[in-house]
Amino acid sequence: MNPDFNIRLATPEDAGAIAEIYTQGIDDRVATFETAHRTAGDIRRRIEEKGDRFPTIVVVDERQVIAWSSAGPYRDRPCYSGVAEHSVYVHREARGRGAGRLALSGLIEAYEQRGFWKLLSRIFPENQASIKLHQTLGFRIVGVYEKHAQLDGAWRDVVIVERLLGVGKQESRP
């Protein structure tokens, strides 16, 4: 990891940089089914609405935010209150320098501190960098959703990954 990177909770002032990185991810078509760009205002509202329960983590180099990771509720049923679905995005110019690992590590720590017992995500199979990142940080592949949704008129599969946190790791399987 790069010692010149700092990690912290995102603030509403980070919204512009987060929106820029998210737009790159949308345009690259390897990280999300989303096709509409987000504005700084959209991101600012999300950060404010999620509050401390669902924080966003940013990685900052000497100049700017270069990566972020965030999560939201998996489902609205109370039994899933400790499960969060997450994303991680890295600025194009910062990819391959450890910023994604730092952002996801920070997210794991933040959500574990908040009592979550599981993080999960869905990743396009061709996004091998993301799959490897997740596996390096203790996520396991639990399956593949075939033809999960269409992007630009083409069906796309997604690889499902999960990582148990805190109390989730302590419980033994039957």
C-alpha atoms as a PDB file:
ATOM      1  CA  MET A   1       0.000   0.000   0.000  1.00  0.00           C
ATOM      2  CA  ASN A   2       1.043   3.516  -0.670  1.00  0.00           C
ATOM      3  CA  PRO A   3       2.044   5.364   2.528  1.00  0.00           C
ATOM      4  CA  ASP A   4       1.152   8.682   0.869  1.00  0.00           C
ATOM      5  CA  PHE A   5      -2.548   7.829   0.946  1.00  0.00           C
ATOM      6  CA  ASN A   6      -4.860   8.854   3.767  1.00  0.00           C
ATOM      7  CA  ILE A   7      -8.144   7.187   4.543  1.00  0.00           C
ATOM      8  CA  ARG A   8     -11.112   8.830   6.232  1.00  0.00           C
ATOM      9  CA  LEU A   9     -14.881   9.075   6.354  1.00  0.00           C
ATOM     10  CA  ALA A  10     -16.298  11.047   3.449  1.00  0.00           C
ATOM     11  CA  THR A  11     -17.863  14.420   4.049  1.00  0.00           C
ATOM     12  CA  PRO A  12     -20.407  16.223   1.871  1.00  0.00           C
ATOM     13  CA  GLU A  13     -17.494  18.308   0.543  1.00  0.00           C
ATOM     14  CA  ASP A  14     -16.097  15.151  -1.113  1.00  0.00           C
ATOM     15  CA  ALA A  15     -19.221  14.754  -3.238  1.00  0.00           C
ATOM     16  CA  GLY A  16     -17.756  16.281  -6.408  1.00  0.00           C
ATOM     17  CA  ALA A  17     -14.717  14.003  -6.413  1.00  0.00           C
ATOM     18  CA  ILE A  18     -16.816  10.925  -5.599  1.00  0.00           C
ATOM     19  CA  ALA A  19     -19.220  11.789  -8.433  1.00  0.00           C
ATOM     20  CA  GLU A  20     -16.294  12.133 -10.867  1.00  0.00           C
ATOM     21  CA  ILE A  21     -14.900   8.706  -9.934  1.00  0.00           C
ATOM     22  CA  TYR A  22     -18.353   7.134 -10.065  1.00  0.00           C
ATOM     23  CA  THR A  23     -18.918   8.636 -13.526  1.00  0.00           C
ATOM     24  CA  GLN A  24     -15.687   6.976 -14.703  1.00  0.00           C
ATOM     25  CA  GLY A  25     -16.959   3.643 -13.380  1.00  0.00           C
ATOM     26  CA  ILE A  26     -20.284   4.134 -15.145  1.00  0.00           C
ATOM     27  CA  ASP A  27     -18.611   5.073 -18.422  1.00  0.00           C
ATOM     28  CA  ASP A  28     -16.128   2.169 -18.288  1.00  0.00           C
ATOM     29  CA  ARG A  29     -19.041  -0.314 -18.206  1.00  0.00           C
ATOM     30  CA  VAL A  30     -17.175  -2.847 -16.027  1.00  0.00           C
ATOM     31  CA  ALA A  31     -18.375  -1.922 -12.537  1.00  0.00           C
ATOM     32  CA  THR A  32     -22.092  -1.104 -12.495  1.00  0.00           C
ATOM     33  CA  PHE A  33     -25.369  -1.458 -14.322  1.00  0.00           C
ATOM     34  CA  GLU A  34     -25.927   2.273 -13.804  1.00  0.00           C
ATOM     35  CA  THR A  35     -25.851   4.383 -16.948  1.00  0.00           C
ATOM     36  CA  ALA A  36     -26.864   7.829 -15.653  1.00  0.00           C
ATOM     37  CA  HIS A  37     -24.128  10.036 -14.265  1.00  0.00           C
ATOM     38  CA  ARG A  38     -24.464  11.334 -10.716  1.00  0.00           C
ATOM     39  CA  THR A  39     -23.956  14.955  -9.801  1.00  0.00           C
ATOM     40  CA  ALA A  40     -22.135  16.259  -6.776  1.00  0.00           C
ATOM     41  CA  GLY A  41     -25.567  17.179  -5.414  1.00  0.00           C
ATOM     42  CA  ASP A  42     -26.780  13.597  -5.809  1.00  0.00           C
ATOM     43  CA  ILE A  43     -23.764  12.258  -3.942  1.00  0.00           C
ATOM     44  CA  ARG A  44     -23.954  14.947  -1.251  1.00  0.00           C
ATOM     45  CA  ARG A  45     -27.584  13.990  -0.542  1.00  0.00           C
ATOM     46  CA  ARG A  46     -26.645  10.305  -0.350  1.00  0.00           C
ATOM     47  CA  ILE A  47     -23.848  10.949   2.121  1.00  0.00           C
ATOM     48  CA  GLU A  48     -26.114  13.089   4.271  1.00  0.00           C
ATOM     49  CA  GLU A  49     -29.041  10.635   4.124  1.00  0.00           C
ATOM     50  CA  LYS A  50     -26.897   7.623   5.027  1.00  0.00           C
ATOM     51  CA  GLY A  51     -25.417   9.399   8.020  1.00  0.00           C
ATOM     52  CA  ASP A  52     -23.132   7.542  10.368  1.00  0.00           C
ATOM     53  CA  ARG A  53     -24.925   4.195   9.988  1.00  0.00           C
ATOM     54  CA  PHE A  54     -23.801   3.760   6.351  1.00  0.00           C
ATOM     55  CA  PRO A  55     -20.632   5.854   5.955  1.00  0.00           C
ATOM     56  CA  THR A  56     -18.662   6.301   2.776  1.00  0.00           C
ATOM     57  CA  ILE A  57     -14.892   5.880   2.988  1.00  0.00           C
ATOM     58  CA  VAL A  58     -12.509   7.944   0.849  1.00  0.00           C
ATOM     59  CA  VAL A  59      -8.826   7.543   0.065  1.00  0.00           C
ATOM     60  CA  VAL A  60      -6.962  10.786  -0.509  1.00  0.00           C
ATOM     61  CA  ASP A  61      -3.520  11.318  -2.000  1.00  0.00           C
ATOM     62  CA  GLU A  62      -1.658  14.596  -1.656  1.00  0.00           C
ATOM     63  CA  ARG A  63      -4.078  16.327  -4.059  1.00  0.00           C
ATOM     64  CA  GLN A  64      -7.507  14.732  -4.176  1.00  0.00           C
ATOM     65  CA  VAL A  65      -9.902  11.895  -3.417  1.00  0.00           C
ATOM     66  CA  ILE A  66      -8.725   8.968  -5.546  1.00  0.00           C
ATOM     67  CA  ALA A  67     -10.957   6.126  -4.334  1.00  0.00           C
ATOM     68  CA  TRP A  68     -14.117   5.556  -2.369  1.00  0.00           C
ATOM     69  CA  SER A  69     -16.167   2.740  -0.979  1.00  0.00           C
ATOM     70  CA  SER A  70     -19.684   2.817   0.337  1.00  0.00           C
ATOM     71  CA  ALA A  71     -22.517   0.522   1.311  1.00  0.00           C
ATOM     72  CA  GLY A  72     -26.207   0.584   1.889  1.00  0.00           C
ATOM     73  CA  PRO A  73     -28.885  -1.674   3.290  1.00  0.00           C
ATOM     74  CA  TYR A  74     -29.137  -5.104   1.712  1.00  0.00           C
ATOM     75  CA  ARG A  75     -32.883  -5.395   2.330  1.00  0.00           C
ATOM     76  CA  ASP A  76     -35.326  -3.437   4.463  1.00  0.00           C
ATOM     77  CA  ARG A  77     -36.425  -6.377   6.635  1.00  0.00           C
ATOM     78  CA  PRO A  78     -35.148  -6.164  10.242  1.00  0.00           C
ATOM     79  CA  CYS A  79     -33.504  -9.600  10.055  1.00  0.00           C
ATOM     80  CA  TYR A  80     -31.022  -8.166   7.524  1.00  0.00           C
ATOM     81  CA  SER A  81     -30.104  -5.065   9.554  1.00  0.00           C
ATOM     82  CA  GLY A  82     -26.482  -6.218   9.860  1.00  0.00           C
ATOM     83  CA  VAL A  83     -25.979  -6.958   6.168  1.00  0.00           C
ATOM     84  CA  ALA A  84     -24.749  -4.209   3.829  1.00  0.00           C
ATOM     85  CA  GLU A  85     -24.254  -4.234   0.074  1.00  0.00           C
ATOM     86  CA  HIS A  86     -21.157  -2.318  -0.971  1.00  0.00           C
ATOM     87  CA  SER A  87     -19.262  -0.835  -3.898  1.00  0.00           C
ATOM     88  CA  VAL A  88     -15.687   0.334  -4.354  1.00  0.00           C
ATOM     89  CA  TYR A  89     -14.437   2.678  -7.079  1.00  0.00           C
ATOM     90  CA  VAL A  90     -10.957   3.985  -7.938  1.00  0.00           C
ATOM     91  CA  HIS A  91     -10.050   6.983 -10.098  1.00  0.00           C
ATOM     92  CA  ARG A  92      -8.658   5.804 -13.446  1.00  0.00           C
ATOM     93  CA  GLU A  93      -5.291   7.470 -12.821  1.00  0.00           C
ATOM     94  CA  ALA A  94      -4.926   5.796  -9.415  1.00  0.00           C
ATOM     95  CA  ARG A  95      -5.775   2.213 -10.344  1.00  0.00           C
ATOM     96  CA  GLY A  96      -3.212  -0.434  -9.454  1.00  0.00           C
ATOM     97  CA  ARG A  97      -1.660   1.635  -6.626  1.00  0.00           C
ATOM     98  CA  GLY A  98      -3.480   0.115  -3.636  1.00  0.00           C
ATOM     99  CA  ALA A  99      -6.166   2.766  -3.238  1.00  0.00           C
ATOM    100  CA  GLY A 100      -9.016   0.307  -3.808  1.00  0.00           C
ATOM    101  CA  ARG A 101      -7.609  -2.049  -1.213  1.00  0.00           C
ATOM    102  CA  LEU A 102      -7.322   0.780   1.279  1.00  0.00           C
ATOM    103  CA  ALA A 103     -10.880   1.999   0.590  1.00  0.00           C
ATOM    104  CA  LEU A 104     -12.363  -1.478   0.967  1.00  0.00           C
ATOM    105  CA  SER A 105     -10.278  -2.228   4.070  1.00  0.00           C
ATOM    106  CA  GLY A 106     -11.538   0.997   5.607  1.00  0.00           C
ATOM    107  CA  LEU A 107     -15.105   0.082   4.759  1.00  0.00           C
ATOM    108  CA  ILE A 108     -14.715  -3.342   6.370  1.00  0.00           C
ATOM    109  CA  GLU A 109     -13.377  -1.758   9.541  1.00  0.00           C
ATOM    110  CA  ALA A 110     -16.044   0.966   9.676  1.00  0.00           C
ATOM    111  CA  TYR A 111     -18.921  -1.454   9.186  1.00  0.00           C
ATOM    112  CA  GLU A 112     -17.515  -3.963  11.634  1.00  0.00           C
ATOM    113  CA  GLN A 113     -17.336  -1.165  14.234  1.00  0.00           C
ATOM    114  CA  ARG A 114     -21.001  -0.407  13.552  1.00  0.00           C
ATOM    115  CA  GLY A 115     -22.066  -3.980  14.286  1.00  0.00           C
ATOM    116  CA  PHE A 116     -22.601  -5.276  10.764  1.00  0.00           C
ATOM    117  CA  TRP A 117     -22.061  -9.007  10.367  1.00  0.00           C
ATOM    118  CA  LYS A 118     -21.791  -9.210   6.581  1.00  0.00           C
ATOM    119  CA  LEU A 119     -20.723  -7.200   3.533  1.00  0.00           C
ATOM    120  CA  LEU A 120     -21.661  -8.398   0.079  1.00  0.00           C
ATOM    121  CA  SER A 121     -21.443  -7.231  -3.494  1.00  0.00           C
ATOM    122  CA  ARG A 122     -22.037  -8.269  -7.085  1.00  0.00           C
ATOM    123  CA  ILE A 123     -19.160  -7.949  -9.556  1.00  0.00           C
ATOM    124  CA  PHE A 124     -19.065  -8.369 -13.329  1.00  0.00           C
ATOM    125  CA  PRO A 125     -17.048 -11.551 -14.090  1.00  0.00           C
ATOM    126  CA  GLU A 126     -14.688  -9.698 -16.432  1.00  0.00           C
ATOM    127  CA  ASN A 127     -13.747  -7.277 -13.626  1.00  0.00           C
ATOM    128  CA  GLN A 128     -10.998  -9.589 -12.435  1.00  0.00           C
ATOM    129  CA  ALA A 129      -9.174  -6.789 -10.596  1.00  0.00           C
ATOM    130  CA  SER A 130     -12.187  -6.299  -8.341  1.00  0.00           C
ATOM    131  CA  ILE A 131     -12.716 -10.018  -7.814  1.00  0.00           C
ATOM    132  CA  LYS A 132      -9.053 -10.461  -6.846  1.00  0.00           C
ATOM    133  CA  LEU A 133      -9.182  -7.423  -4.543  1.00  0.00           C
ATOM    134  CA  HIS A 134     -12.187  -8.846  -2.733  1.00  0.00           C
ATOM    135  CA  GLN A 135     -10.636 -12.302  -2.399  1.00  0.00           C
ATOM    136  CA  THR A 136      -7.415 -10.783  -1.047  1.00  0.00           C
ATOM    137  CA  LEU A 137      -9.455  -9.070   1.675  1.00  0.00           C
ATOM    138  CA  GLY A 138     -11.242 -12.231   2.750  1.00  0.00           C
ATOM    139  CA  PHE A 139     -14.364 -12.180   0.587  1.00  0.00           C
ATOM    140  CA  ARG A 140     -15.492 -15.471  -0.861  1.00  0.00           C
ATOM    141  CA  ILE A 141     -17.335 -16.126  -4.080  1.00  0.00           C
ATOM    142  CA  VAL A 142     -20.717 -17.622  -3.261  1.00  0.00           C
ATOM    143  CA  GLY A 143     -22.139 -17.910  -6.735  1.00  0.00           C
ATOM    144  CA  VAL A 144     -23.058 -16.296 -10.019  1.00  0.00           C
ATOM    145  CA  TYR A 145     -26.302 -14.676 -10.980  1.00  0.00           C
ATOM    146  CA  GLU A 146     -26.716 -15.435 -14.679  1.00  0.00           C
ATOM    147  CA  LYS A 147     -28.336 -12.797 -16.863  1.00  0.00           C
ATOM    148  CA  HIS A 148     -28.806 -10.610 -13.802  1.00  0.00           C
ATOM    149  CA  ALA A 149     -29.664  -7.508 -15.831  1.00  0.00           C
ATOM    150  CA  GLN A 150     -29.005  -5.872 -19.168  1.00  0.00           C
ATOM    151  CA  LEU A 151     -26.433  -3.182 -19.816  1.00  0.00           C
ATOM    152  CA  ASP A 152     -26.466  -1.500 -23.206  1.00  0.00           C
ATOM    153  CA  GLY A 153     -28.864  -4.167 -24.467  1.00  0.00           C
ATOM    154  CA  ALA A 154     -26.689  -7.128 -23.476  1.00  0.00           C
ATOM    155  CA  TRP A 155     -27.353  -9.561 -20.642  1.00  0.00           C
ATOM    156  CA  ARG A 156     -24.675  -9.502 -17.953  1.00  0.00           C
ATOM    157  CA  ASP A 157     -23.833 -12.024 -15.278  1.00  0.00           C
ATOM    158  CA  VAL A 158     -22.550 -11.026 -11.846  1.00  0.00           C
ATOM    159  CA  VAL A 159     -20.320 -12.828  -9.369  1.00  0.00           C
ATOM    160  CA  ILE A 160     -21.648 -12.650  -5.797  1.00  0.00           C
ATOM    161  CA  VAL A 161     -19.073 -12.115  -3.042  1.00  0.00           C
ATOM    162  CA  GLU A 162     -19.480 -11.913   0.713  1.00  0.00           C
ATOM    163  CA  ARG A 163     -17.382 -11.431   3.815  1.00  0.00           C
ATOM    164  CA  LEU A 164     -18.485 -12.151   7.355  1.00  0.00           C
ATOM    165  CA  LEU A 165     -17.640  -9.478   9.905  1.00  0.00           C
ATOM    166  CA  GLY A 166     -17.439  -9.366  13.693  1.00  0.00           C
ATOM    167  CA  VAL A 167     -20.059 -11.580  15.263  1.00  0.00           C
ATOM    168  CA  GLY A 168     -20.731 -13.197  11.880  1.00  0.00           C
ATOM    169  CA  LYS A 169     -17.187 -14.610  11.883  1.00  0.00           C
ATOM    170  CA  GLN A 170     -17.518 -15.858  15.461  1.00  0.00           C
ATOM    171  CA  GLU A 171     -20.606 -17.965  14.914  1.00  0.00           C
ATOM    172  CA  SER A 172     -19.946 -21.533  13.867  1.00  0.00           C
ATOM    173  CA  ARG A 173     -21.817 -23.157  11.041  1.00  0.00           C
ATOM    174  CA  PRO A 174     -24.177 -26.038  11.899  1.00  0.00           C
END
